[in-house]
Amino acid sequence: MRDWMFLTLAIVSEVIGTSALQASAQFTRLVPAVVVVVAYALSFWLLALAFRSIPVGIAYAIWSGLGIVLIASISWIVFGQKLDLPAVIGLGLIIAGVVVLQLFSKVTPH
């Protein structure tokens, strides 16, 4: 259960880092740029800790999939990015894929 917490925190860190990347204005603003570096480093470290019991393929699929959905949502809410119907359908398919991995995958740790 602890490794799932690490994975969750890795996703949150990645989302913070990517959001700060937008706010850094191509690394021209110091504070958001520092947040990017720290958040990404923390995210990868936590992701590596999650690999102790979660198979790398499953952990990475969940990390990247949920990161994409969360970033798209934040971009829509905070940065005003428009999401058309194909984008919403694609995000729904990503969520469905993560749910299938979580509920039905029988992949075991290495």
N, C-alpha and C. Protein backbone atom coordinates (compact mmCIF):
# COMPACT_ATOMS: atom_id res chain seq x y z
N MET A 1 0.81 -1.19 0.00
CA MET A 1 0.00 0.00 0.00
C MET A 1 0.86 1.26 0.00
N ARG A 2 1.99 1.20 0.67
CA ARG A 2 2.89 2.35 0.75
C ARG A 2 3.40 2.73 -0.63
N ASP A 3 3.68 1.74 -1.48
CA ASP A 3 4.19 2.03 -2.81
C ASP A 3 3.14 2.70 -3.69
N TRP A 4 1.86 2.40 -3.45
CA TRP A 4 0.79 3.10 -4.17
C TRP A 4 0.72 4.55 -3.73
N MET A 5 1.03 4.82 -2.47
CA MET A 5 1.10 6.21 -1.99
C MET A 5 2.24 6.93 -2.69
N PHE A 6 3.39 6.24 -2.83
CA PHE A 6 4.51 6.84 -3.55
C PHE A 6 4.12 7.18 -4.98
N LEU A 7 3.39 6.26 -5.63
CA LEU A 7 2.96 6.50 -7.00
C LEU A 7 2.01 7.69 -7.06
N THR A 8 1.09 7.78 -6.15
CA THR A 8 0.16 8.91 -6.11
C THR A 8 0.90 10.22 -5.92
N LEU A 9 1.85 10.25 -5.00
CA LEU A 9 2.64 11.46 -4.77
C LEU A 9 3.51 11.79 -5.98
N ALA A 10 4.00 10.77 -6.68
CA ALA A 10 4.78 10.99 -7.90
C ALA A 10 3.92 11.66 -8.96
N ILE A 11 2.67 11.24 -9.07
CA ILE A 11 1.75 11.85 -10.04
C ILE A 11 1.49 13.31 -9.67
N VAL A 12 1.23 13.56 -8.40
CA VAL A 12 0.98 14.93 -7.94
C VAL A 12 2.20 15.81 -8.21
N SER A 13 3.38 15.30 -7.92
CA SER A 13 4.61 16.07 -8.16
C SER A 13 4.81 16.37 -9.63
N GLU A 14 4.53 15.39 -10.47
CA GLU A 14 4.68 15.58 -11.92
C GLU A 14 3.70 16.63 -12.42
N VAL A 15 2.49 16.61 -11.92
CA VAL A 15 1.47 17.59 -12.32
C VAL A 15 1.87 18.99 -11.86
N ILE A 16 2.39 19.10 -10.65
CA ILE A 16 2.87 20.40 -10.16
C ILE A 16 4.01 20.89 -11.04
N GLY A 17 4.96 20.01 -11.35
CA GLY A 17 6.10 20.40 -12.17
C GLY A 17 5.68 20.85 -13.57
N THR A 18 4.76 20.13 -14.17
CA THR A 18 4.33 20.49 -15.51
C THR A 18 3.52 21.78 -15.49
N SER A 19 2.71 21.98 -14.47
CA SER A 19 1.98 23.24 -14.35
C SER A 19 2.95 24.41 -14.17
N ALA A 20 3.97 24.20 -13.36
CA ALA A 20 4.98 25.24 -13.16
C ALA A 20 5.77 25.49 -14.43
N LEU A 21 5.93 24.47 -15.26
CA LEU A 21 6.63 24.65 -16.53
C LEU A 21 5.92 25.68 -17.39
N GLN A 22 4.60 25.60 -17.44
CA GLN A 22 3.82 26.61 -18.16
C GLN A 22 4.01 27.98 -17.53
N ALA A 23 3.97 28.03 -16.20
CA ALA A 23 4.10 29.30 -15.49
C ALA A 23 5.52 29.88 -15.57
N SER A 24 6.51 29.05 -15.87
CA SER A 24 7.89 29.54 -15.91
C SER A 24 8.20 30.39 -17.14
N ALA A 25 7.27 30.41 -18.10
CA ALA A 25 7.46 31.19 -19.33
C ALA A 25 8.79 30.83 -19.98
N GLN A 26 8.93 29.55 -20.32
CA GLN A 26 10.14 29.01 -20.96
C GLN A 26 11.39 29.26 -20.10
N PHE A 27 11.25 29.03 -18.79
CA PHE A 27 12.34 29.15 -17.82
C PHE A 27 12.87 30.57 -17.70
N THR A 28 12.04 31.57 -17.96
CA THR A 28 12.46 32.96 -17.79
C THR A 28 12.04 33.52 -16.44
N ARG A 29 11.21 32.78 -15.70
CA ARG A 29 10.79 33.19 -14.37
C ARG A 29 11.39 32.21 -13.37
N LEU A 30 12.20 32.73 -12.46
CA LEU A 30 13.03 31.89 -11.59
C LEU A 30 12.23 30.96 -10.68
N VAL A 31 11.28 31.47 -9.95
CA VAL A 31 10.58 30.64 -8.96
C VAL A 31 9.85 29.48 -9.64
N PRO A 32 9.04 29.72 -10.67
CA PRO A 32 8.41 28.56 -11.31
C PRO A 32 9.42 27.59 -11.93
N ALA A 33 10.54 28.10 -12.43
CA ALA A 33 11.56 27.23 -13.01
C ALA A 33 12.18 26.33 -11.94
N VAL A 34 12.40 26.86 -10.77
CA VAL A 34 12.92 26.05 -9.66
C VAL A 34 11.89 25.00 -9.24
N VAL A 35 10.63 25.39 -9.21
CA VAL A 35 9.56 24.44 -8.88
C VAL A 35 9.54 23.29 -9.88
N VAL A 36 9.74 23.60 -11.17
CA VAL A 36 9.78 22.56 -12.20
C VAL A 36 10.85 21.53 -11.88
N VAL A 37 12.05 21.99 -11.64
CA VAL A 37 13.18 21.09 -11.41
C VAL A 37 12.96 20.25 -10.14
N VAL A 38 12.56 20.89 -9.07
CA VAL A 38 12.36 20.18 -7.80
C VAL A 38 11.20 19.19 -7.92
N ALA A 39 10.10 19.62 -8.52
CA ALA A 39 8.93 18.74 -8.62
C ALA A 39 9.21 17.53 -9.51
N TYR A 40 9.91 17.75 -10.63
CA TYR A 40 10.23 16.60 -11.49
C TYR A 40 11.22 15.65 -10.82
N ALA A 41 12.21 16.19 -10.13
CA ALA A 41 13.16 15.32 -9.42
C ALA A 41 12.42 14.50 -8.35
N LEU A 42 11.55 15.15 -7.61
CA LEU A 42 10.77 14.45 -6.58
C LEU A 42 9.87 13.40 -7.22
N SER A 43 9.25 13.75 -8.33
CA SER A 43 8.35 12.82 -9.01
C SER A 43 9.08 11.56 -9.45
N PHE A 44 10.24 11.72 -10.07
CA PHE A 44 10.99 10.54 -10.53
C PHE A 44 11.50 9.71 -9.36
N TRP A 45 11.90 10.36 -8.29
CA TRP A 45 12.36 9.62 -7.11
C TRP A 45 11.21 8.80 -6.52
N LEU A 46 10.04 9.43 -6.38
CA LEU A 46 8.88 8.72 -5.85
C LEU A 46 8.43 7.60 -6.78
N LEU A 47 8.50 7.85 -8.08
CA LEU A 47 8.16 6.81 -9.05
C LEU A 47 9.10 5.61 -8.90
N ALA A 48 10.37 5.88 -8.73
CA ALA A 48 11.34 4.80 -8.53
C ALA A 48 11.03 4.01 -7.27
N LEU A 49 10.60 4.68 -6.22
CA LEU A 49 10.23 3.98 -4.99
C LEU A 49 9.00 3.10 -5.21
N ALA A 50 8.08 3.56 -6.03
CA ALA A 50 6.87 2.78 -6.32
C ALA A 50 7.21 1.49 -7.06
N PHE A 51 8.31 1.50 -7.82
CA PHE A 51 8.71 0.31 -8.58
C PHE A 51 9.10 -0.86 -7.69
N ARG A 52 9.26 -0.64 -6.39
CA ARG A 52 9.63 -1.74 -5.50
C ARG A 52 8.60 -2.85 -5.51
N SER A 53 7.32 -2.49 -5.63
CA SER A 53 6.31 -3.55 -5.63
C SER A 53 5.31 -3.43 -6.79
N ILE A 54 5.30 -2.30 -7.48
CA ILE A 54 4.40 -2.12 -8.62
C ILE A 54 5.23 -2.33 -9.88
N PRO A 55 4.82 -3.22 -10.77
CA PRO A 55 5.58 -3.44 -12.00
C PRO A 55 5.76 -2.14 -12.78
N VAL A 56 6.93 -1.98 -13.35
CA VAL A 56 7.29 -0.73 -14.03
C VAL A 56 6.28 -0.37 -15.12
N GLY A 57 5.83 -1.32 -15.89
CA GLY A 57 4.87 -1.03 -16.96
C GLY A 57 3.55 -0.51 -16.44
N ILE A 58 3.09 -1.09 -15.35
CA ILE A 58 1.82 -0.66 -14.74
C ILE A 58 1.99 0.70 -14.08
N ALA A 59 3.04 0.86 -13.28
CA ALA A 59 3.27 2.13 -12.58
C ALA A 59 3.46 3.27 -13.57
N TYR A 60 4.24 3.04 -14.61
CA TYR A 60 4.50 4.11 -15.57
C TYR A 60 3.24 4.45 -16.35
N ALA A 61 2.45 3.45 -16.71
CA ALA A 61 1.20 3.71 -17.45
C ALA A 61 0.25 4.55 -16.60
N ILE A 62 0.14 4.22 -15.33
CA ILE A 62 -0.74 4.98 -14.44
C ILE A 62 -0.19 6.38 -14.22
N TRP A 63 1.12 6.49 -13.97
CA TRP A 63 1.77 7.79 -13.74
C TRP A 63 1.58 8.71 -14.94
N SER A 64 1.88 8.20 -16.12
CA SER A 64 1.79 9.06 -17.30
C SER A 64 0.34 9.31 -17.70
N GLY A 65 -0.51 8.29 -17.62
CA GLY A 65 -1.91 8.45 -18.01
C GLY A 65 -2.65 9.44 -17.13
N LEU A 66 -2.56 9.26 -15.83
CA LEU A 66 -3.24 10.19 -14.94
C LEU A 66 -2.61 11.58 -14.99
N GLY A 67 -1.30 11.62 -15.21
CA GLY A 67 -0.64 12.92 -15.37
C GLY A 67 -1.19 13.68 -16.57
N ILE A 68 -1.38 12.99 -17.68
CA ILE A 68 -1.93 13.61 -18.89
C ILE A 68 -3.33 14.15 -18.62
N VAL A 69 -4.17 13.34 -18.01
CA VAL A 69 -5.55 13.75 -17.74
C VAL A 69 -5.57 14.94 -16.78
N LEU A 70 -4.78 14.89 -15.73
CA LEU A 70 -4.77 15.98 -14.76
C LEU A 70 -4.22 17.27 -15.36
N ILE A 71 -3.16 17.16 -16.15
CA ILE A 71 -2.59 18.35 -16.78
C ILE A 71 -3.57 18.95 -17.79
N ALA A 72 -4.23 18.12 -18.56
CA ALA A 72 -5.23 18.64 -19.51
C ALA A 72 -6.35 19.35 -18.75
N SER A 73 -6.77 18.79 -17.62
CA SER A 73 -7.82 19.42 -16.83
C SER A 73 -7.36 20.75 -16.24
N ILE A 74 -6.15 20.77 -15.71
CA ILE A 74 -5.61 22.01 -15.15
C ILE A 74 -5.42 23.05 -16.26
N SER A 75 -4.96 22.61 -17.42
CA SER A 75 -4.79 23.54 -18.54
C SER A 75 -6.12 24.16 -18.95
N TRP A 76 -7.17 23.38 -18.89
CA TRP A 76 -8.50 23.87 -19.23
C TRP A 76 -9.00 24.86 -18.18
N ILE A 77 -8.86 24.49 -16.88
CA ILE A 77 -9.39 25.31 -15.79
C ILE A 77 -8.53 26.54 -15.53
N VAL A 78 -7.22 26.35 -15.42
CA VAL A 78 -6.33 27.44 -15.00
C VAL A 78 -5.83 28.28 -16.17
N PHE A 79 -5.42 27.62 -17.25
CA PHE A 79 -4.80 28.33 -18.36
C PHE A 79 -5.75 28.62 -19.51
N GLY A 80 -7.01 28.19 -19.40
CA GLY A 80 -8.01 28.50 -20.42
C GLY A 80 -7.85 27.74 -21.73
N GLN A 81 -7.13 26.64 -21.72
CA GLN A 81 -6.96 25.83 -22.93
C GLN A 81 -8.29 25.17 -23.26
N LYS A 82 -8.68 25.26 -24.52
CA LYS A 82 -9.93 24.65 -24.96
C LYS A 82 -9.72 23.16 -25.22
N LEU A 83 -10.71 22.36 -24.81
CA LEU A 83 -10.70 20.93 -25.09
C LEU A 83 -11.89 20.62 -25.98
N ASP A 84 -11.62 20.17 -27.21
CA ASP A 84 -12.72 19.81 -28.11
C ASP A 84 -13.18 18.38 -27.83
N LEU A 85 -14.21 17.94 -28.52
CA LEU A 85 -14.78 16.62 -28.27
C LEU A 85 -13.76 15.49 -28.45
N PRO A 86 -12.95 15.49 -29.52
CA PRO A 86 -11.95 14.42 -29.64
C PRO A 86 -10.96 14.39 -28.45
N ALA A 87 -10.61 15.57 -27.95
CA ALA A 87 -9.71 15.61 -26.79
C ALA A 87 -10.37 15.01 -25.56
N VAL A 88 -11.63 15.35 -25.34
CA VAL A 88 -12.35 14.81 -24.19
C VAL A 88 -12.51 13.30 -24.32
N ILE A 89 -12.83 12.83 -25.52
CA ILE A 89 -12.95 11.38 -25.75
C ILE A 89 -11.62 10.69 -25.49
N GLY A 90 -10.54 11.26 -25.99
CA GLY A 90 -9.21 10.69 -25.76
C GLY A 90 -8.85 10.63 -24.30
N LEU A 91 -9.15 11.69 -23.55
CA LEU A 91 -8.89 11.69 -22.11
C LEU A 91 -9.73 10.63 -21.41
N GLY A 92 -10.97 10.47 -21.86
CA GLY A 92 -11.82 9.41 -21.31
C GLY A 92 -11.25 8.03 -21.56
N LEU A 93 -10.68 7.83 -22.75
CA LEU A 93 -10.06 6.54 -23.06
C LEU A 93 -8.82 6.30 -22.20
N ILE A 94 -8.07 7.35 -21.91
CA ILE A 94 -6.91 7.20 -21.02
C ILE A 94 -7.38 6.78 -19.64
N ILE A 95 -8.41 7.44 -19.13
CA ILE A 95 -8.94 7.08 -17.82
C ILE A 95 -9.44 5.63 -17.83
N ALA A 96 -10.13 5.25 -18.89
CA ALA A 96 -10.61 3.86 -19.00
C ALA A 96 -9.44 2.88 -18.99
N GLY A 97 -8.37 3.22 -19.67
CA GLY A 97 -7.19 2.36 -19.68
C GLY A 97 -6.58 2.20 -18.31
N VAL A 98 -6.49 3.29 -17.56
CA VAL A 98 -5.95 3.21 -16.20
C VAL A 98 -6.85 2.36 -15.32
N VAL A 99 -8.16 2.52 -15.46
CA VAL A 99 -9.10 1.71 -14.68
C VAL A 99 -8.94 0.23 -15.01
N VAL A 100 -8.83 -0.10 -16.29
CA VAL A 100 -8.64 -1.50 -16.70
C VAL A 100 -7.35 -2.05 -16.10
N LEU A 101 -6.27 -1.27 -16.15
CA LEU A 101 -5.01 -1.72 -15.55
C LEU A 101 -5.19 -1.99 -14.06
N GLN A 102 -5.85 -1.09 -13.38
CA GLN A 102 -6.01 -1.21 -11.94
C GLN A 102 -6.89 -2.40 -11.54
N LEU A 103 -7.98 -2.57 -12.25
CA LEU A 103 -8.97 -3.56 -11.83
C LEU A 103 -8.73 -4.96 -12.38
N PHE A 104 -8.17 -5.05 -13.58
CA PHE A 104 -8.15 -6.35 -14.25
C PHE A 104 -6.76 -6.91 -14.56
N SER A 105 -5.72 -6.11 -14.44
CA SER A 105 -4.39 -6.60 -14.77
C SER A 105 -3.90 -7.58 -13.71
N LYS A 106 -3.32 -8.66 -14.15
CA LYS A 106 -2.77 -9.67 -13.25
C LYS A 106 -1.23 -9.65 -13.27
N VAL A 107 -0.67 -8.57 -13.81
CA VAL A 107 0.79 -8.45 -13.87
C VAL A 107 1.34 -8.43 -12.45
N THR A 108 2.38 -9.18 -12.23
CA THR A 108 2.97 -9.26 -10.90
C THR A 108 4.34 -8.58 -10.91
N PRO A 109 4.81 -8.18 -9.74
CA PRO A 109 6.14 -7.57 -9.67
C PRO A 109 7.23 -8.52 -10.17
N HIS A 110 8.34 -7.97 -10.60
CA HIS A 110 9.46 -8.75 -11.12
C HIS A 110 10.21 -9.45 -10.02
